[in-house]
Protein backbone atom coordinates (compact mmCIF):
# COMPACT_ATOMS: atom_id res chain seq x y z
CA MET A 1 52.69 111.66 80.97
CA PRO A 2 55.55 113.21 82.98
CA VAL A 3 56.58 111.66 86.31
CA TYR A 4 57.24 113.68 89.47
CA MET A 5 58.82 112.65 92.75
CA VAL A 6 57.44 114.00 96.00
CA ASP A 7 60.12 114.07 98.69
CA ARG A 8 59.00 113.86 102.31
CA ASN A 9 60.74 113.93 105.70
CA LEU A 10 58.53 112.05 108.14
CA PRO A 11 60.32 111.59 111.48
CA GLY A 12 58.37 109.38 113.87
CA VAL A 13 55.88 108.21 111.23
CA THR A 14 54.24 104.83 111.88
CA THR A 15 53.41 102.15 109.33
CA GLU A 16 49.74 102.90 109.89
CA GLN A 17 50.29 106.60 109.16
CA LEU A 18 52.20 105.73 105.99
CA ALA A 19 49.36 103.46 104.85
CA ALA A 20 46.81 106.21 105.58
CA ALA A 21 48.86 108.77 103.63
CA GLN A 22 49.15 106.39 100.68
CA LYS A 23 45.39 105.80 100.73
CA ALA A 24 44.75 109.56 100.89
CA ALA A 25 47.10 110.15 97.93
CA ILE A 26 45.38 107.50 95.82
CA GLU A 27 41.87 108.74 96.66
CA THR A 28 42.78 112.38 96.06
CA CYS A 29 44.31 111.50 92.67
CA GLN A 30 41.07 109.71 91.77
CA GLN A 31 39.03 112.78 92.79
CA PHE A 32 41.21 115.13 90.71
CA THR A 33 41.01 112.78 87.72
CA ALA A 34 37.23 112.48 88.03
CA LYS A 35 37.00 116.29 87.93
CA GLY A 36 39.07 116.48 84.72
CA THR A 37 42.63 116.87 86.06
CA PRO A 38 44.37 113.57 85.33
CA VAL A 39 46.93 112.55 87.95
CA ARG A 40 48.03 109.09 89.02
CA TYR A 41 49.82 107.87 92.14
CA LEU A 42 52.45 105.32 91.13
CA ARG A 43 54.31 104.14 94.24
CA THR A 44 56.14 105.04 97.42
CA THR A 45 59.58 104.13 98.72
CA PHE A 46 60.23 104.68 102.43
CA VAL A 47 63.70 104.73 104.01
CA PRO A 48 63.04 104.05 107.72
CA GLY A 49 66.58 104.85 108.90
CA GLU A 50 66.26 108.38 107.50
CA ALA A 51 62.49 108.82 107.97
CA ARG A 52 62.47 109.78 104.29
CA CYS A 53 59.70 108.98 101.87
CA MET A 54 59.71 109.36 98.09
CA CYS A 55 56.45 109.06 96.15
CA LEU A 56 56.04 108.97 92.37
CA PHE A 57 53.10 110.52 90.55
CA GLU A 58 52.17 110.93 86.88
CA ALA A 59 50.65 114.30 85.99
CA ALA A 60 50.84 117.05 83.39
CA SER A 61 52.71 119.34 85.80
CA ALA A 62 54.43 119.54 89.17
CA ASP A 63 51.78 122.04 90.24
CA ILE A 64 49.05 119.40 89.92
CA VAL A 65 51.08 117.03 92.09
CA ARG A 66 51.55 119.79 94.70
CA ARG A 67 47.82 120.50 94.70
CA VAL A 68 47.02 116.80 95.19
CA ASN A 69 49.37 116.52 98.17
CA GLU A 70 48.03 119.71 99.72
CA ALA A 71 44.42 118.58 99.24
CA ALA A 72 45.30 115.18 100.79
CA LYS A 73 47.04 117.02 103.67
CA ILE A 74 50.26 115.03 103.23
CA PRO A 75 53.40 117.00 104.16
CA TYR A 76 56.19 117.24 101.59
CA THR A 77 59.52 118.98 101.18
CA ARG A 78 59.63 119.29 97.41
CA VAL A 79 58.22 118.08 94.11
CA VAL A 80 60.75 117.44 91.32
CA ASP A 81 60.85 115.98 87.82
CA ALA A 82 61.76 112.30 87.89
CA LEU A 83 62.36 109.38 85.57
CA ASP A 84 60.62 106.11 86.42
CA LEU A 85 63.09 103.46 85.30
CA THR A 86 61.02 100.45 86.43
CA PRO A 87 61.50 97.72 83.83
CA LYS A 88 58.39 96.92 81.84
CA SER A 89 57.25 93.29 82.23
CA SER A 90 57.17 91.28 79.05
């Protein structure tokens, strides 16, 4: 399934708010999947010095990822195609 990166600018965000956003993303993905629209949250990388957050999702389209983030009420700047180059464990 294609991977998409959600780019976020989150000035002033706290660790608790990041954790809540991550939980909301995971739960919203599960709801979409349960209703027949498969989407999976993969991971988040946060750069505190820039207040920038990048989240990876697997979905059939960028539109699905946008809809998940809007339903979860998590602000984002853009959704773009991405390649997840995490090495597979052996």
